[in-house]
């Protein structure tokens, strides 16, 4: 049998943001929604953000390359950290997107193997791991 995850154990694939808009801008968005250009306010905002990111795509790609960053999802497993520890390596992790540290990683293993972790996006890790790495999270 394959593994089955309960819904409450699943991590969201997006992050909720809150922003303030002027009344006129909000009214203009509502007008576009009412006219059927967008299904709702969130659809408009997501579309606008994607267009801006696309227009700056080359800059983003060059910056990721220049800073030696990984783009997307980066899972950091206990096995990977144990392998680094056994090889005497210290990892410097840089991610644009989502970095997840496995729940079975101990704070001691994380401190022994992660020299620095920079995440432009979201870092998902158990609270004790975040606390152990607090001085290394940038």
Foldseek 3Di string as FASTA:
>chain_A
DDDDDDPVPDDDQADDDDDDDDPVVVVVLVVCCVVPVAVDSVRVVVVVVVVVCVVCVVVVVVVCVVVVAAEEEAEAEQVNLVVCVVVVEADAHHYEYEYEYDAPHDLVSLLSHHQAYEYNYYYHYDPSNCVSCVVRYD
